[in-house]
N, C-alpha and C. Protein backbone atom coordinates (compact mmCIF):
# COMPACT_ATOMS: atom_id res chain seq x y z
N MET A 1 -150.85 163.40 26.84
CA MET A 1 -149.98 162.37 27.39
C MET A 1 -148.58 162.96 27.59
N ALA A 2 -148.01 162.72 28.74
CA ALA A 2 -146.70 163.26 29.08
C ALA A 2 -145.58 162.52 28.36
N LEU A 3 -144.53 163.26 28.04
CA LEU A 3 -143.36 162.65 27.43
C LEU A 3 -142.35 162.18 28.47
N SER A 4 -142.32 162.83 29.63
CA SER A 4 -141.43 162.43 30.71
C SER A 4 -142.17 161.45 31.61
N GLY A 5 -141.42 160.47 32.11
CA GLY A 5 -142.08 159.48 32.95
C GLY A 5 -141.14 158.87 33.95
N LYS A 6 -141.75 158.15 34.89
CA LYS A 6 -141.01 157.44 35.94
C LYS A 6 -141.77 156.14 36.18
N LEU A 7 -141.02 155.06 36.26
CA LEU A 7 -141.60 153.75 36.49
C LEU A 7 -140.78 153.06 37.57
N ILE A 8 -141.46 152.45 38.54
CA ILE A 8 -140.76 151.82 39.67
C ILE A 8 -141.22 150.38 39.80
N GLY A 9 -140.26 149.46 39.99
CA GLY A 9 -140.56 148.06 40.21
C GLY A 9 -139.85 147.56 41.46
N TYR A 10 -140.51 146.67 42.21
CA TYR A 10 -139.98 146.15 43.47
C TYR A 10 -139.91 144.63 43.42
N VAL A 11 -138.87 144.07 44.04
CA VAL A 11 -138.74 142.62 44.16
C VAL A 11 -138.18 142.32 45.55
N GLU A 12 -138.85 141.43 46.29
CA GLU A 12 -138.28 140.98 47.56
C GLU A 12 -137.17 139.99 47.27
N ILE A 13 -136.04 140.18 47.96
CA ILE A 13 -134.89 139.29 47.79
C ILE A 13 -134.45 138.78 49.15
N SER A 14 -133.84 137.61 49.15
CA SER A 14 -133.35 137.05 50.41
C SER A 14 -131.87 137.32 50.61
N ASN A 15 -131.16 137.66 49.52
CA ASN A 15 -129.74 137.98 49.64
C ASN A 15 -129.54 139.33 50.31
N ASN A 16 -128.38 139.48 50.87
CA ASN A 16 -127.97 140.70 51.54
C ASN A 16 -127.85 141.85 50.54
N ALA A 17 -128.22 143.07 50.96
CA ALA A 17 -128.15 144.25 50.09
C ALA A 17 -126.72 144.48 49.60
N ASP A 18 -125.72 144.26 50.46
CA ASP A 18 -124.33 144.45 50.06
C ASP A 18 -123.95 143.50 48.92
N VAL A 19 -124.45 142.27 48.98
CA VAL A 19 -124.14 141.27 47.96
C VAL A 19 -124.70 141.72 46.62
N PHE A 20 -125.96 142.11 46.60
CA PHE A 20 -126.57 142.53 45.33
C PHE A 20 -125.96 143.83 44.81
N HIS A 21 -125.70 144.76 45.70
CA HIS A 21 -125.08 146.02 45.27
C HIS A 21 -123.72 145.74 44.62
N ASP A 22 -122.93 144.91 45.26
CA ASP A 22 -121.61 144.57 44.73
C ASP A 22 -121.74 143.82 43.40
N PHE A 23 -122.73 142.95 43.32
CA PHE A 23 -122.94 142.17 42.11
C PHE A 23 -123.24 143.08 40.91
N PHE A 24 -124.19 144.00 41.06
CA PHE A 24 -124.54 144.89 39.96
C PHE A 24 -123.47 145.94 39.69
N ARG A 25 -122.71 146.29 40.70
CA ARG A 25 -121.68 147.30 40.50
C ARG A 25 -120.37 146.72 39.96
N ARG A 26 -119.86 145.69 40.62
CA ARG A 26 -118.52 145.19 40.30
C ARG A 26 -118.47 143.86 39.55
N LYS A 27 -119.56 143.10 39.56
CA LYS A 27 -119.53 141.77 38.96
C LYS A 27 -120.65 141.53 37.95
N PRO A 28 -121.10 142.54 37.22
CA PRO A 28 -122.22 142.29 36.30
C PRO A 28 -121.88 141.27 35.21
N HIS A 29 -120.61 141.16 34.88
CA HIS A 29 -120.17 140.21 33.85
C HIS A 29 -120.43 138.76 34.26
N GLU A 30 -120.55 138.50 35.56
CA GLU A 30 -120.80 137.14 36.05
C GLU A 30 -122.24 136.69 35.83
N MET A 31 -123.13 137.62 35.49
CA MET A 31 -124.53 137.27 35.27
C MET A 31 -124.71 136.32 34.09
N ALA A 32 -123.83 136.43 33.09
CA ALA A 32 -123.95 135.58 31.91
C ALA A 32 -123.85 134.09 32.26
N ALA A 33 -123.08 133.77 33.27
CA ALA A 33 -122.96 132.37 33.71
C ALA A 33 -124.17 131.92 34.52
N ILE A 34 -124.82 132.85 35.19
CA ILE A 34 -125.95 132.52 36.06
C ILE A 34 -127.27 132.49 35.31
N VAL A 35 -127.47 133.46 34.42
CA VAL A 35 -128.72 133.56 33.66
C VAL A 35 -128.41 133.74 32.17
N PRO A 36 -127.80 132.72 31.54
CA PRO A 36 -127.37 132.86 30.14
C PRO A 36 -128.51 133.05 29.15
N ASP A 37 -129.73 132.70 29.55
CA ASP A 37 -130.88 132.93 28.67
C ASP A 37 -131.29 134.40 28.64
N LYS A 38 -130.86 135.17 29.65
CA LYS A 38 -131.22 136.58 29.73
C LYS A 38 -130.04 137.50 29.43
N ILE A 39 -128.89 137.22 30.05
CA ILE A 39 -127.69 138.06 29.89
C ILE A 39 -126.63 137.24 29.16
N HIS A 40 -126.08 137.81 28.09
CA HIS A 40 -125.06 137.11 27.31
C HIS A 40 -123.66 137.64 27.61
N ASP A 41 -123.57 138.94 27.90
CA ASP A 41 -122.26 139.54 28.18
C ASP A 41 -122.46 140.92 28.78
N CYS A 42 -121.48 141.36 29.50
CA CYS A 42 -121.44 142.72 30.05
C CYS A 42 -120.00 143.18 29.95
N GLU A 43 -119.70 143.92 28.89
CA GLU A 43 -118.33 144.35 28.61
C GLU A 43 -118.06 145.73 29.18
N LEU A 44 -116.88 145.87 29.74
CA LEU A 44 -116.41 147.17 30.19
C LEU A 44 -115.74 147.85 29.01
N HIS A 45 -116.25 149.01 28.59
CA HIS A 45 -115.69 149.73 27.44
C HIS A 45 -114.72 150.81 27.86
N GLU A 46 -114.98 151.47 28.99
CA GLU A 46 -114.11 152.53 29.49
C GLU A 46 -114.14 152.53 31.01
N GLY A 47 -113.03 152.96 31.61
CA GLY A 47 -112.98 153.11 33.06
C GLY A 47 -112.69 151.82 33.79
N GLU A 48 -112.99 151.84 35.09
CA GLU A 48 -112.82 150.67 35.96
C GLU A 48 -114.18 150.09 36.28
N ARG A 49 -114.23 148.76 36.36
CA ARG A 49 -115.50 148.10 36.66
C ARG A 49 -116.08 148.65 37.96
N GLY A 50 -117.32 149.16 37.86
CA GLY A 50 -118.03 149.67 39.02
C GLY A 50 -117.76 151.11 39.38
N ALA A 51 -116.82 151.77 38.70
CA ALA A 51 -116.47 153.15 39.03
C ALA A 51 -117.38 154.14 38.30
N VAL A 52 -117.66 155.24 38.97
CA VAL A 52 -118.45 156.31 38.35
C VAL A 52 -117.72 156.76 37.08
N GLY A 53 -118.48 156.92 36.01
CA GLY A 53 -117.92 157.31 34.72
C GLY A 53 -117.59 156.15 33.81
N SER A 54 -117.62 154.94 34.34
CA SER A 54 -117.34 153.76 33.53
C SER A 54 -118.44 153.54 32.51
N VAL A 55 -118.05 153.03 31.34
CA VAL A 55 -119.00 152.74 30.28
C VAL A 55 -119.06 151.22 30.10
N ILE A 56 -120.27 150.68 30.16
CA ILE A 56 -120.46 149.25 30.01
C ILE A 56 -121.50 148.98 28.92
N CYS A 57 -121.34 147.84 28.25
CA CYS A 57 -122.27 147.44 27.20
C CYS A 57 -122.85 146.08 27.56
N TRP A 58 -124.16 146.03 27.63
CA TRP A 58 -124.88 144.80 27.94
C TRP A 58 -125.33 144.13 26.66
N GLN A 59 -125.15 142.82 26.56
CA GLN A 59 -125.70 141.98 25.50
C GLN A 59 -126.72 141.07 26.19
N TYR A 60 -127.96 141.11 25.74
CA TYR A 60 -129.02 140.40 26.45
C TYR A 60 -130.14 140.01 25.50
N THR A 61 -131.03 139.17 25.99
CA THR A 61 -132.23 138.81 25.24
C THR A 61 -133.43 139.34 26.00
N HIS A 62 -134.26 140.12 25.30
CA HIS A 62 -135.47 140.70 25.89
C HIS A 62 -136.59 140.55 24.87
N ASP A 63 -137.72 140.07 25.30
CA ASP A 63 -138.86 139.82 24.41
C ASP A 63 -138.48 138.93 23.23
N GLY A 64 -137.61 137.94 23.49
CA GLY A 64 -137.23 136.98 22.48
C GLY A 64 -136.23 137.47 21.44
N LYS A 65 -135.69 138.69 21.64
CA LYS A 65 -134.74 139.25 20.68
C LYS A 65 -133.43 139.59 21.37
N LYS A 66 -132.32 139.30 20.67
CA LYS A 66 -131.01 139.68 21.20
C LYS A 66 -130.84 141.18 21.02
N LYS A 67 -130.37 141.83 22.08
CA LYS A 67 -130.24 143.29 22.09
C LYS A 67 -128.93 143.70 22.75
N ALA A 68 -128.60 144.97 22.58
CA ALA A 68 -127.41 145.54 23.22
C ALA A 68 -127.75 146.94 23.69
N THR A 69 -127.21 147.31 24.83
CA THR A 69 -127.42 148.64 25.41
C THR A 69 -126.14 149.09 26.08
N LYS A 70 -125.78 150.35 25.84
CA LYS A 70 -124.57 150.93 26.44
C LYS A 70 -124.98 151.94 27.51
N GLU A 71 -124.31 151.85 28.66
CA GLU A 71 -124.63 152.70 29.81
C GLU A 71 -123.36 153.28 30.44
N ILE A 72 -123.55 154.41 31.10
CA ILE A 72 -122.50 155.01 31.92
C ILE A 72 -122.96 154.93 33.37
N ILE A 73 -122.05 154.52 34.26
CA ILE A 73 -122.38 154.57 35.68
C ILE A 73 -122.28 156.03 36.10
N GLU A 74 -123.43 156.61 36.41
CA GLU A 74 -123.50 158.03 36.72
C GLU A 74 -123.19 158.33 38.18
N SER A 75 -123.68 157.49 39.08
CA SER A 75 -123.39 157.69 40.49
C SER A 75 -123.54 156.38 41.25
N VAL A 76 -122.87 156.33 42.39
CA VAL A 76 -122.90 155.16 43.27
C VAL A 76 -122.97 155.66 44.70
N ASN A 77 -123.84 155.05 45.49
CA ASN A 77 -123.93 155.36 46.91
C ASN A 77 -123.84 154.04 47.66
N GLU A 78 -122.68 153.77 48.23
CA GLU A 78 -122.45 152.50 48.94
C GLU A 78 -123.38 152.36 50.15
N GLU A 79 -123.54 153.43 50.90
CA GLU A 79 -124.35 153.38 52.12
C GLU A 79 -125.80 153.05 51.83
N ASN A 80 -126.35 153.63 50.77
CA ASN A 80 -127.76 153.41 50.43
C ASN A 80 -127.95 152.32 49.37
N HIS A 81 -126.86 151.65 48.98
CA HIS A 81 -126.92 150.57 47.99
C HIS A 81 -127.61 151.02 46.70
N THR A 82 -127.18 152.16 46.18
CA THR A 82 -127.78 152.74 44.99
C THR A 82 -126.75 152.89 43.88
N ILE A 83 -127.16 152.56 42.65
CA ILE A 83 -126.34 152.77 41.46
C ILE A 83 -127.25 153.41 40.41
N VAL A 84 -126.76 154.47 39.78
CA VAL A 84 -127.51 155.12 38.71
C VAL A 84 -126.78 154.89 37.40
N PHE A 85 -127.50 154.28 36.45
CA PHE A 85 -126.97 154.02 35.11
C PHE A 85 -127.66 154.97 34.14
N ASN A 86 -126.90 155.67 33.33
CA ASN A 86 -127.45 156.53 32.29
C ASN A 86 -127.29 155.79 30.96
N VAL A 87 -128.40 155.41 30.34
CA VAL A 87 -128.36 154.69 29.08
C VAL A 87 -128.02 155.68 27.97
N ILE A 88 -126.94 155.40 27.22
CA ILE A 88 -126.50 156.36 26.21
C ILE A 88 -126.73 155.90 24.78
N GLU A 89 -126.90 154.61 24.56
CA GLU A 89 -127.22 154.13 23.21
C GLU A 89 -127.66 152.69 23.27
N GLY A 90 -128.24 152.23 22.16
CA GLY A 90 -128.60 150.83 22.05
C GLY A 90 -130.09 150.61 21.87
N ASP A 91 -130.44 149.34 21.83
CA ASP A 91 -131.81 148.91 21.55
C ASP A 91 -132.83 149.45 22.55
N LEU A 92 -132.41 149.68 23.78
CA LEU A 92 -133.35 150.15 24.80
C LEU A 92 -133.86 151.55 24.50
N ILE A 93 -133.01 152.40 23.91
CA ILE A 93 -133.43 153.79 23.73
C ILE A 93 -133.52 154.27 22.29
N ASP A 94 -132.76 153.68 21.38
CA ASP A 94 -132.70 154.17 19.99
C ASP A 94 -134.10 154.27 19.38
N GLY A 95 -134.45 155.46 18.94
CA GLY A 95 -135.73 155.69 18.30
C GLY A 95 -136.91 155.74 19.25
N LEU A 96 -136.64 155.66 20.56
CA LEU A 96 -137.71 155.63 21.55
C LEU A 96 -137.63 156.75 22.59
N TYR A 97 -136.44 156.94 23.14
CA TYR A 97 -136.30 157.86 24.27
C TYR A 97 -135.19 158.88 24.04
N LYS A 98 -135.43 160.11 24.49
CA LYS A 98 -134.39 161.15 24.48
C LYS A 98 -133.40 160.89 25.60
N SER A 99 -133.92 160.44 26.73
CA SER A 99 -133.07 160.12 27.88
C SER A 99 -133.68 158.95 28.63
N PHE A 100 -132.80 158.18 29.30
CA PHE A 100 -133.27 157.01 30.04
C PHE A 100 -132.26 156.71 31.14
N LYS A 101 -132.70 156.80 32.39
CA LYS A 101 -131.86 156.44 33.54
C LYS A 101 -132.46 155.23 34.21
N ILE A 102 -131.56 154.34 34.65
CA ILE A 102 -131.96 153.17 35.41
C ILE A 102 -131.31 153.28 36.79
N ILE A 103 -132.14 153.29 37.81
CA ILE A 103 -131.64 153.42 39.18
C ILE A 103 -131.89 152.10 39.90
N TRP A 104 -130.83 151.53 40.43
CA TRP A 104 -130.87 150.27 41.18
C TRP A 104 -130.67 150.62 42.65
N HIS A 105 -131.52 150.07 43.52
CA HIS A 105 -131.45 150.39 44.94
C HIS A 105 -131.93 149.17 45.73
N VAL A 106 -131.30 148.91 46.85
CA VAL A 106 -131.74 147.84 47.74
C VAL A 106 -131.91 148.43 49.14
N GLU A 107 -133.03 148.10 49.76
CA GLU A 107 -133.26 148.58 51.12
C GLU A 107 -133.89 147.47 51.96
N PRO A 108 -133.71 147.54 53.30
CA PRO A 108 -134.27 146.50 54.17
C PRO A 108 -135.80 146.57 54.23
N LYS A 109 -136.40 145.37 54.36
CA LYS A 109 -137.85 145.26 54.57
C LYS A 109 -138.08 144.09 55.51
N GLY A 110 -138.10 144.38 56.77
CA GLY A 110 -138.22 143.31 57.77
C GLY A 110 -137.00 142.42 57.74
N HIS A 111 -137.22 141.11 57.61
CA HIS A 111 -136.11 140.15 57.54
C HIS A 111 -135.60 139.97 56.12
N GLU A 112 -136.28 140.57 55.17
CA GLU A 112 -135.91 140.47 53.76
C GLU A 112 -135.30 141.79 53.30
N GLN A 113 -134.95 141.81 52.04
CA GLN A 113 -134.47 143.02 51.39
C GLN A 113 -135.41 143.31 50.22
N LEU A 114 -135.53 144.57 49.89
CA LEU A 114 -136.36 144.98 48.77
C LEU A 114 -135.45 145.57 47.69
N ALA A 115 -135.43 144.92 46.53
CA ALA A 115 -134.68 145.43 45.38
C ALA A 115 -135.63 146.34 44.60
N ILE A 116 -135.15 147.53 44.28
CA ILE A 116 -136.01 148.52 43.62
C ILE A 116 -135.33 149.00 42.35
N TRP A 117 -136.05 148.91 41.25
CA TRP A 117 -135.63 149.47 39.97
C TRP A 117 -136.47 150.71 39.72
N THR A 118 -135.84 151.80 39.34
CA THR A 118 -136.56 153.01 38.96
C THR A 118 -136.06 153.44 37.59
N PHE A 119 -137.00 153.68 36.69
CA PHE A 119 -136.67 154.23 35.37
C PHE A 119 -137.13 155.68 35.35
N GLU A 120 -136.26 156.57 34.93
CA GLU A 120 -136.63 157.95 34.67
C GLU A 120 -136.31 158.18 33.20
N PHE A 121 -137.31 158.62 32.42
CA PHE A 121 -137.13 158.68 30.98
C PHE A 121 -137.92 159.82 30.35
N GLU A 122 -137.50 160.15 29.13
CA GLU A 122 -138.25 161.09 28.31
C GLU A 122 -138.44 160.45 26.94
N LYS A 123 -139.69 160.22 26.59
CA LYS A 123 -140.03 159.59 25.32
C LYS A 123 -139.84 160.59 24.18
N LEU A 124 -139.53 160.09 22.99
CA LEU A 124 -139.39 160.95 21.82
C LEU A 124 -140.72 161.55 21.41
N ASP A 125 -141.80 160.76 21.54
CA ASP A 125 -143.13 161.28 21.24
C ASP A 125 -144.16 160.43 21.98
N THR A 126 -145.41 160.82 21.87
CA THR A 126 -146.46 160.16 22.65
C THR A 126 -146.77 158.75 22.18
N SER A 127 -146.29 158.33 21.01
CA SER A 127 -146.56 156.97 20.53
C SER A 127 -145.65 155.93 21.19
N VAL A 128 -144.58 156.38 21.85
CA VAL A 128 -143.64 155.46 22.50
C VAL A 128 -144.29 154.89 23.76
N PRO A 129 -144.32 153.57 23.89
CA PRO A 129 -144.94 152.97 25.08
C PRO A 129 -144.06 153.14 26.33
N TYR A 130 -144.70 153.02 27.47
CA TYR A 130 -143.94 153.00 28.72
C TYR A 130 -143.12 151.72 28.75
N PRO A 131 -141.94 151.74 29.36
CA PRO A 131 -141.04 150.58 29.33
C PRO A 131 -141.40 149.49 30.35
N THR A 132 -142.66 149.12 30.42
CA THR A 132 -143.11 148.13 31.40
C THR A 132 -142.54 146.74 31.13
N SER A 133 -142.40 146.38 29.86
CA SER A 133 -141.84 145.08 29.52
C SER A 133 -140.40 144.96 30.01
N PHE A 134 -139.63 146.03 29.86
CA PHE A 134 -138.24 145.99 30.31
C PHE A 134 -138.17 145.98 31.84
N MET A 135 -139.12 146.66 32.50
CA MET A 135 -139.17 146.62 33.97
C MET A 135 -139.45 145.18 34.42
N ASP A 136 -140.41 144.52 33.78
CA ASP A 136 -140.70 143.12 34.12
C ASP A 136 -139.46 142.25 33.92
N TYR A 137 -138.75 142.50 32.83
CA TYR A 137 -137.52 141.77 32.52
C TYR A 137 -136.50 141.91 33.66
N LEU A 138 -136.24 143.15 34.11
CA LEU A 138 -135.25 143.36 35.17
C LEU A 138 -135.70 142.79 36.51
N CYS A 139 -136.99 142.89 36.81
CA CYS A 139 -137.49 142.31 38.07
C CYS A 139 -137.35 140.79 38.04
N ASN A 140 -137.64 140.17 36.90
CA ASN A 140 -137.46 138.72 36.77
C ASN A 140 -135.99 138.32 36.82
N LEU A 141 -135.13 139.16 36.27
CA LEU A 141 -133.69 138.92 36.35
C LEU A 141 -133.24 138.88 37.81
N VAL A 142 -133.71 139.82 38.61
CA VAL A 142 -133.35 139.87 40.03
C VAL A 142 -133.85 138.61 40.74
N LYS A 143 -135.07 138.18 40.42
CA LYS A 143 -135.60 136.95 41.04
C LYS A 143 -134.73 135.75 40.69
N ASP A 144 -134.31 135.66 39.43
CA ASP A 144 -133.45 134.56 39.01
C ASP A 144 -132.11 134.61 39.74
N LEU A 145 -131.53 135.79 39.84
CA LEU A 145 -130.24 135.93 40.52
C LEU A 145 -130.37 135.61 42.01
N ASP A 146 -131.45 136.04 42.61
CA ASP A 146 -131.68 135.77 44.03
C ASP A 146 -131.89 134.27 44.25
N GLY A 147 -132.59 133.62 43.34
CA GLY A 147 -132.79 132.18 43.43
C GLY A 147 -131.50 131.40 43.30
N HIS A 148 -130.54 131.98 42.60
CA HIS A 148 -129.23 131.36 42.44
C HIS A 148 -128.37 131.53 43.70
N LYS A 149 -128.77 132.42 44.56
CA LYS A 149 -128.01 132.74 45.79
C LYS A 149 -126.64 133.26 45.43
N THR A 150 -126.60 134.48 44.94
CA THR A 150 -125.36 135.11 44.49
C THR A 150 -124.32 135.26 45.59
N ASN A 151 -124.70 134.98 46.83
CA ASN A 151 -123.73 135.11 47.91
C ASN A 151 -122.91 133.85 48.15
N LYS A 152 -123.07 132.85 47.33
CA LYS A 152 -122.28 131.61 47.47
C LYS A 152 -120.85 131.85 47.07
């Protein structure tokens, strides 16, 4: 069994790619008001909100448990609506993964948009499960945000 892995999840969204890209890059703290059962807070620890090198800490509920995860924005591509988050500590990786990247991307699909989450990770050992539950969580989060119509 391989220790390195990649997992990809897709969600069709009706909101504009620019809206979602801006939301995840510059306004993640607003998610707590929209989906308080999933996201409790998104604090900026270092840098400027949405800037490469910024450190953010998410407070959230996943699988019925309150959790926290700290990430660095590693790269941003405005044209391709891509943001790469490098998870550096917290419940998502502690004791499970040597490395964990979360890549957010939106691309056109006909009259809709396709939101794509990609996880690139290295497990500490073969007993660590693939992060499918967290992928489901993020895909459902996007559906909830899209249903709220974040472009209002």
